[in-house]
Amino acid sequence: MRSNHFEEDLLASIQVRWSPEQAHFVAWSTRYPGLTYCDPWSSLAAVDGLVEAIGLDARVTTEGSSAG
């Protein structure tokens, strides 16, 4: 289970902007360089998608490291 401190730090590290080239909102985090999430309709959906992607990435990393 993650702490509220982790979630607050994660949310503080996320930025989102409209990309006219992609015609999408693009969300990214300074804590996870290279990982982005795009949504054509909503900046909040882009942030939510990124948070979910980061959560899935963290679970895979944790499961992989504990298996070895």
N, C-alpha and C. Protein backbone atom coordinates (compact mmCIF):
# COMPACT_ATOMS: atom_id res chain seq x y z
N MET A 1 0.84 -1.18 0.00
CA MET A 1 0.00 0.00 0.00
C MET A 1 0.89 1.25 0.00
N ARG A 2 0.55 2.21 -0.81
CA ARG A 2 1.36 3.41 -0.93
C ARG A 2 0.92 4.45 0.08
N SER A 3 1.87 5.26 0.48
CA SER A 3 1.58 6.32 1.44
C SER A 3 1.01 7.54 0.73
N ASN A 4 0.32 8.37 1.50
CA ASN A 4 -0.20 9.61 0.95
C ASN A 4 0.94 10.51 0.50
N HIS A 5 2.09 10.44 1.20
CA HIS A 5 3.25 11.24 0.83
C HIS A 5 3.72 10.91 -0.58
N PHE A 6 3.76 9.61 -0.91
CA PHE A 6 4.15 9.19 -2.26
C PHE A 6 3.18 9.76 -3.28
N GLU A 7 1.89 9.65 -3.02
CA GLU A 7 0.88 10.14 -3.96
C GLU A 7 0.97 11.64 -4.14
N GLU A 8 1.18 12.37 -3.05
CA GLU A 8 1.31 13.83 -3.13
C GLU A 8 2.54 14.22 -3.94
N ASP A 9 3.66 13.54 -3.70
CA ASP A 9 4.89 13.81 -4.45
C ASP A 9 4.69 13.49 -5.93
N LEU A 10 4.02 12.39 -6.21
CA LEU A 10 3.77 12.00 -7.60
C LEU A 10 2.92 13.05 -8.30
N LEU A 11 1.82 13.44 -7.67
CA LEU A 11 0.95 14.44 -8.29
C LEU A 11 1.67 15.77 -8.49
N ALA A 12 2.53 16.13 -7.55
CA ALA A 12 3.28 17.39 -7.68
C ALA A 12 4.27 17.32 -8.83
N SER A 13 4.70 16.13 -9.22
CA SER A 13 5.69 15.99 -10.29
C SER A 13 5.06 15.91 -11.68
N ILE A 14 3.73 15.86 -11.75
CA ILE A 14 3.05 15.70 -13.04
C ILE A 14 2.72 17.05 -13.64
N GLN A 15 2.98 17.14 -14.94
CA GLN A 15 2.61 18.32 -15.71
C GLN A 15 1.77 17.86 -16.89
N VAL A 16 0.94 18.77 -17.41
CA VAL A 16 0.10 18.43 -18.56
C VAL A 16 -0.01 19.66 -19.45
N ARG A 17 -0.03 19.44 -20.74
CA ARG A 17 -0.18 20.54 -21.68
C ARG A 17 -0.93 20.04 -22.91
N TRP A 18 -1.47 20.99 -23.66
CA TRP A 18 -2.11 20.68 -24.93
C TRP A 18 -1.03 20.64 -26.00
N SER A 19 -1.02 19.61 -26.80
CA SER A 19 -0.08 19.50 -27.91
C SER A 19 -0.82 19.71 -29.22
N PRO A 20 -0.65 20.86 -29.88
CA PRO A 20 -1.33 21.07 -31.15
C PRO A 20 -0.87 20.08 -32.22
N GLU A 21 0.38 19.64 -32.15
CA GLU A 21 0.89 18.68 -33.13
C GLU A 21 0.17 17.33 -33.02
N GLN A 22 -0.09 16.91 -31.80
CA GLN A 22 -0.75 15.62 -31.57
C GLN A 22 -2.25 15.75 -31.41
N ALA A 23 -2.74 16.98 -31.21
CA ALA A 23 -4.15 17.24 -30.93
C ALA A 23 -4.62 16.43 -29.72
N HIS A 24 -3.77 16.39 -28.70
CA HIS A 24 -4.04 15.68 -27.45
C HIS A 24 -3.48 16.48 -26.28
N PHE A 25 -4.05 16.22 -25.10
CA PHE A 25 -3.40 16.66 -23.86
C PHE A 25 -2.32 15.62 -23.56
N VAL A 26 -1.14 16.08 -23.20
CA VAL A 26 -0.02 15.20 -22.91
C VAL A 26 0.38 15.41 -21.45
N ALA A 27 0.38 14.34 -20.68
CA ALA A 27 0.80 14.39 -19.28
C ALA A 27 2.12 13.65 -19.14
N TRP A 28 3.00 14.20 -18.28
CA TRP A 28 4.28 13.56 -17.99
C TRP A 28 4.69 13.89 -16.57
N SER A 29 5.62 13.13 -16.05
CA SER A 29 6.11 13.33 -14.69
C SER A 29 7.62 13.46 -14.72
N THR A 30 8.13 14.40 -13.94
CA THR A 30 9.58 14.55 -13.83
C THR A 30 10.21 13.36 -13.11
N ARG A 31 9.41 12.60 -12.39
CA ARG A 31 9.93 11.42 -11.69
C ARG A 31 10.04 10.20 -12.59
N TYR A 32 9.34 10.22 -13.72
CA TYR A 32 9.34 9.09 -14.65
C TYR A 32 9.62 9.62 -16.06
N PRO A 33 10.84 10.03 -16.33
CA PRO A 33 11.16 10.60 -17.64
C PRO A 33 10.91 9.58 -18.75
N GLY A 34 10.38 10.07 -19.84
CA GLY A 34 10.12 9.21 -20.99
C GLY A 34 8.75 8.57 -20.98
N LEU A 35 8.06 8.60 -19.86
CA LEU A 35 6.72 8.02 -19.77
C LEU A 35 5.70 9.14 -19.91
N THR A 36 4.82 9.02 -20.88
CA THR A 36 3.77 10.02 -21.08
C THR A 36 2.44 9.32 -21.29
N TYR A 37 1.37 10.10 -21.16
CA TYR A 37 0.04 9.59 -21.43
C TYR A 37 -0.73 10.70 -22.13
N CYS A 38 -1.43 10.36 -23.20
CA CYS A 38 -2.16 11.35 -24.00
C CYS A 38 -3.65 11.05 -24.00
N ASP A 39 -4.44 12.12 -24.03
CA ASP A 39 -5.88 12.00 -24.15
C ASP A 39 -6.37 13.14 -25.04
N PRO A 40 -7.22 12.86 -26.02
CA PRO A 40 -7.66 13.92 -26.94
C PRO A 40 -8.70 14.86 -26.36
N TRP A 41 -9.35 14.49 -25.26
CA TRP A 41 -10.48 15.27 -24.77
C TRP A 41 -10.26 15.97 -23.44
N SER A 42 -9.42 15.42 -22.57
CA SER A 42 -9.38 15.92 -21.20
C SER A 42 -7.97 15.89 -20.61
N SER A 43 -7.58 17.01 -20.01
CA SER A 43 -6.29 17.04 -19.32
C SER A 43 -6.32 16.15 -18.07
N LEU A 44 -7.46 16.12 -17.40
CA LEU A 44 -7.58 15.26 -16.21
C LEU A 44 -7.49 13.78 -16.60
N ALA A 45 -8.07 13.41 -17.71
CA ALA A 45 -7.97 12.02 -18.17
C ALA A 45 -6.51 11.67 -18.50
N ALA A 46 -5.78 12.62 -19.04
CA ALA A 46 -4.36 12.37 -19.33
C ALA A 46 -3.58 12.16 -18.04
N VAL A 47 -3.86 12.97 -17.02
CA VAL A 47 -3.19 12.81 -15.73
C VAL A 47 -3.59 11.48 -15.10
N ASP A 48 -4.87 11.16 -15.10
CA ASP A 48 -5.34 9.89 -14.53
C ASP A 48 -4.68 8.70 -15.24
N GLY A 49 -4.60 8.76 -16.56
CA GLY A 49 -3.97 7.68 -17.32
C GLY A 49 -2.50 7.52 -16.98
N LEU A 50 -1.81 8.65 -16.80
CA LEU A 50 -0.40 8.59 -16.43
C LEU A 50 -0.23 7.99 -15.04
N VAL A 51 -1.05 8.41 -14.10
CA VAL A 51 -0.98 7.87 -12.73
C VAL A 51 -1.22 6.36 -12.76
N GLU A 52 -2.19 5.91 -13.54
CA GLU A 52 -2.46 4.48 -13.65
C GLU A 52 -1.28 3.76 -14.29
N ALA A 53 -0.70 4.33 -15.34
CA ALA A 53 0.45 3.71 -16.00
C ALA A 53 1.63 3.61 -15.04
N ILE A 54 1.85 4.64 -14.26
CA ILE A 54 2.94 4.61 -13.27
C ILE A 54 2.68 3.54 -12.23
N GLY A 55 1.44 3.43 -11.78
CA GLY A 55 1.08 2.40 -10.80
C GLY A 55 1.30 1.00 -11.35
N LEU A 56 0.91 0.78 -12.60
CA LEU A 56 1.13 -0.52 -13.21
C LEU A 56 2.62 -0.79 -13.37
N ASP A 57 3.39 0.22 -13.75
CA ASP A 57 4.83 0.08 -13.90
C ASP A 57 5.47 -0.26 -12.57
N ALA A 58 5.03 0.38 -11.49
CA ALA A 58 5.59 0.14 -10.16
C ALA A 58 5.29 -1.29 -9.71
N ARG A 59 4.07 -1.80 -9.98
CA ARG A 59 3.74 -3.16 -9.60
C ARG A 59 4.59 -4.17 -10.35
N VAL A 60 4.80 -3.95 -11.65
CA VAL A 60 5.62 -4.86 -12.43
C VAL A 60 7.05 -4.86 -11.91
N THR A 61 7.59 -3.69 -11.61
CA THR A 61 8.94 -3.59 -11.09
C THR A 61 9.06 -4.29 -9.75
N THR A 62 8.09 -4.07 -8.86
CA THR A 62 8.11 -4.68 -7.54
C THR A 62 8.00 -6.21 -7.65
N GLU A 63 7.07 -6.68 -8.49
CA GLU A 63 6.91 -8.11 -8.63
C GLU A 63 8.16 -8.74 -9.23
N GLY A 64 8.76 -8.07 -10.20
CA GLY A 64 9.96 -8.59 -10.84
C GLY A 64 11.13 -8.66 -9.86
N SER A 65 11.28 -7.67 -9.00
CA SER A 65 12.41 -7.66 -8.09
C SER A 65 12.22 -8.64 -6.94
N SER A 66 10.98 -8.90 -6.54
CA SER A 66 10.76 -9.82 -5.44
C SER A 66 10.83 -11.28 -5.91
N ALA A 67 10.64 -11.49 -7.21
CA ALA A 67 10.68 -12.86 -7.72
C ALA A 67 12.10 -13.39 -7.81
N GLY A 68 13.08 -12.46 -7.90
CA GLY A 68 14.45 -12.90 -8.09
C GLY A 68 15.12 -13.10 -6.82
